[in-house]
C-alpha atoms as a PDB file:
ATOM      1  CA  MET A   1      -0.127   0.015   0.058  1.00  0.00           C
ATOM      2  CA  LYS A   2       1.197   3.533  -0.858  1.00  0.00           C
ATOM      3  CA  LEU A   3       1.599   5.567   2.004  1.00  0.00           C
ATOM      4  CA  GLY A   4      -0.549   8.875   2.205  1.00  0.00           C
ATOM      5  CA  ILE A   5      -3.191   8.161  -0.749  1.00  0.00           C
ATOM      6  CA  HIS A   6      -5.743   5.833   1.109  1.00  0.00           C
ATOM      7  CA  PRO A   7      -8.850   7.544   3.585  1.00  0.00           C
ATOM      8  CA  VAL A   8      -8.165   7.239   7.035  1.00  0.00           C
ATOM      9  CA  SER A   9     -10.762   3.942   8.599  1.00  0.00           C
ATOM     10  CA  ARG A  10     -11.887   5.015  11.634  1.00  0.00           C
ATOM     11  CA  PRO A  11     -14.873   3.937  13.930  1.00  0.00           C
ATOM     12  CA  VAL A  12     -18.568   4.964  13.170  1.00  0.00           C
ATOM     13  CA  VAL A  13     -21.833   5.181  14.473  1.00  0.00           C
ATOM     14  CA  PHE A  14     -24.474   4.535  11.407  1.00  0.00           C
ATOM     15  CA  ARG A  15     -27.914   5.468  12.761  1.00  0.00           C
ATOM     16  CA  ASP A  16     -30.850   4.018  10.932  1.00  0.00           C
ATOM     17  CA  HIS A  17     -34.088   5.849  10.950  1.00  0.00           C
ATOM     18  CA  ALA A  18     -36.404   3.274  10.010  1.00  0.00           C
ATOM     19  CA  SER A  19     -35.536   0.678  12.419  1.00  0.00           C
ATOM     20  CA  ASP A  20     -34.401   3.619  15.095  1.00  0.00           C
ATOM     21  CA  THR A  21     -30.841   1.250  15.680  1.00  0.00           C
ATOM     22  CA  ALA A  22     -27.486   2.124  15.676  1.00  0.00           C
ATOM     23  CA  PHE A  23     -23.988   0.272  14.564  1.00  0.00           C
ATOM     24  CA  LEU A  24     -20.730   0.977  15.372  1.00  0.00           C
ATOM     25  CA  THR A  25     -18.128  -0.122  12.894  1.00  0.00           C
ATOM     26  CA  ARG A  26     -15.113   1.238  10.992  1.00  0.00           C
ATOM     27  CA  SER A  27     -15.874   3.620   7.866  1.00  0.00           C
ATOM     28  CA  THR A  28     -13.949   6.314   6.251  1.00  0.00           C
ATOM     29  CA  ALA A  29     -17.518   8.255   5.097  1.00  0.00           C
ATOM     30  CA  PRO A  30     -16.932  12.116   6.891  1.00  0.00           C
ATOM     31  CA  SER A  31     -19.488  12.941   9.229  1.00  0.00           C
ATOM     32  CA  ALA A  32     -19.681  16.587  10.889  1.00  0.00           C
ATOM     33  CA  LYS A  33     -22.520  14.899  13.665  1.00  0.00           C
ATOM     34  CA  THR A  34     -21.511  13.103  16.403  1.00  0.00           C
ATOM     35  CA  ILE A  35     -22.337  10.884  19.242  1.00  0.00           C
ATOM     36  CA  GLU A  36     -21.729   9.597  22.879  1.00  0.00           C
ATOM     37  CA  TRP A  37     -22.050   5.716  22.349  1.00  0.00           C
ATOM     38  CA  GLU A  38     -22.515   2.803  24.981  1.00  0.00           C
ATOM     39  CA  ASP A  39     -18.714   2.930  25.889  1.00  0.00           C
ATOM     40  CA  GLY A  40     -18.644   6.664  26.586  1.00  0.00           C
ATOM     41  CA  ALA A  41     -16.581   7.638  23.770  1.00  0.00           C
ATOM     42  CA  THR A  42     -17.399   9.742  20.995  1.00  0.00           C
ATOM     43  CA  TYR A  43     -17.740   8.681  17.710  1.00  0.00           C
ATOM     44  CA  PRO A  44     -18.623  10.168  14.472  1.00  0.00           C
ATOM     45  CA  LEU A  45     -22.629   9.645  13.390  1.00  0.00           C
ATOM     46  CA  ILE A  46     -23.722   8.882   9.932  1.00  0.00           C
ATOM     47  CA  ASP A  47     -27.534   8.930   9.775  1.00  0.00           C
ATOM     48  CA  VAL A  48     -29.070   6.275   7.023  1.00  0.00           C
ATOM     49  CA  GLU A  49     -32.271   5.733   5.446  1.00  0.00           C
ATOM     50  CA  VAL A  50     -32.405   1.871   5.348  1.00  0.00           C
ATOM     51  CA  SER A  51     -29.421  -0.781   7.058  1.00  0.00           C
ATOM     52  CA  SER A  52     -29.956  -4.322   7.200  1.00  0.00           C
ATOM     53  CA  ALA A  53     -31.902  -3.744  10.715  1.00  0.00           C
ATOM     54  CA  SER A  54     -35.128  -2.489   8.367  1.00  0.00           C
ATOM     55  CA  HIS A  55     -34.215  -3.863   4.641  1.00  0.00           C
ATOM     56  CA  PRO A  56     -36.901  -5.879   3.897  1.00  0.00           C
ATOM     57  CA  PHE A  57     -34.663  -8.657   2.083  1.00  0.00           C
ATOM     58  CA  TYR A  58     -32.756  -9.265   5.716  1.00  0.00           C
ATOM     59  CA  THR A  59     -35.916  -8.669   8.084  1.00  0.00           C
ATOM     60  CA  GLY A  60     -37.468 -11.818   6.277  1.00  0.00           C
ATOM     61  CA  THR A  61     -40.623  -9.212   5.129  1.00  0.00           C
ATOM     62  CA  ALA A  62     -39.726  -9.175   1.064  1.00  0.00           C
ATOM     63  CA  ARG A  63     -42.263 -10.564  -1.062  1.00  0.00           C
ATOM     64  CA  VAL A  64     -41.640 -12.945  -3.780  1.00  0.00           C
ATOM     65  CA  VAL A  65     -42.922 -11.883  -7.214  1.00  0.00           C
ATOM     66  CA  ASP A  66     -44.317 -14.744  -9.700  1.00  0.00           C
ATOM     67  CA  SER A  67     -42.576 -14.298 -12.659  1.00  0.00           C
ATOM     68  CA  ALA A  68     -44.064 -17.467 -13.837  1.00  0.00           C
ATOM     69  CA  GLY A  69     -47.723 -16.478 -13.320  1.00  0.00           C
ATOM     70  CA  ARG A  70     -46.785 -12.786 -14.792  1.00  0.00           C
ATOM     71  CA  VAL A  71     -46.181 -14.494 -18.260  1.00  0.00           C
ATOM     72  CA  GLU A  72     -48.483 -16.887 -18.063  1.00  0.00           C
ATOM     73  CA  ARG A  73     -51.112 -13.785 -17.578  1.00  0.00           C
ATOM     74  CA  PHE A  74     -49.561 -11.958 -20.279  1.00  0.00           C
ATOM     75  CA  GLU A  75     -50.500 -15.178 -22.450  1.00  0.00           C
ATOM     76  CA  ARG A  76     -54.251 -15.238 -21.545  1.00  0.00           C
ATOM     77  CA  ARG A  77     -54.259 -11.583 -22.026  1.00  0.00           C
ATOM     78  CA  TYR A  78     -53.011 -10.936 -25.166  1.00  0.00           C
ATOM     79  CA  GLY A  79     -52.454 -14.581 -26.692  1.00  0.00           C
ATOM     80  CA  ARG A  80     -50.460 -16.608 -27.996  1.00  0.00           C
ATOM     81  CA  LYS A  81     -49.983 -16.213 -31.839  1.00  0.00           C
ATOM     82  CA  ALA A  82     -49.058 -19.408 -33.713  1.00  0.00           C
ATOM     83  CA  SER A  83     -45.594 -19.110 -35.419  1.00  0.00           C
ATOM     84  CA  THR A  84     -45.723 -18.757 -39.329  1.00  0.00           C
ATOM     85  CA  SER A  85     -42.913 -20.526 -40.880  1.00  0.00           C
END
């Protein structure tokens, strides 16, 4: 690794507004806000709209789209024309 060209990685708190949870992790993202964490130390704070705590894929509330049913519905609606060869 070349010295002086990589951003500094430091502990940062990411707060998810949708699920009202916070995560302490490492990041290079800048932030002007700070928060006092459970260990008593002050860390930069980054507010996010969606994280693994609130995203439907990770929480198990995702809906499965039935693509085969969509094709069948399309064929019923518009019909399948016979190929003319």
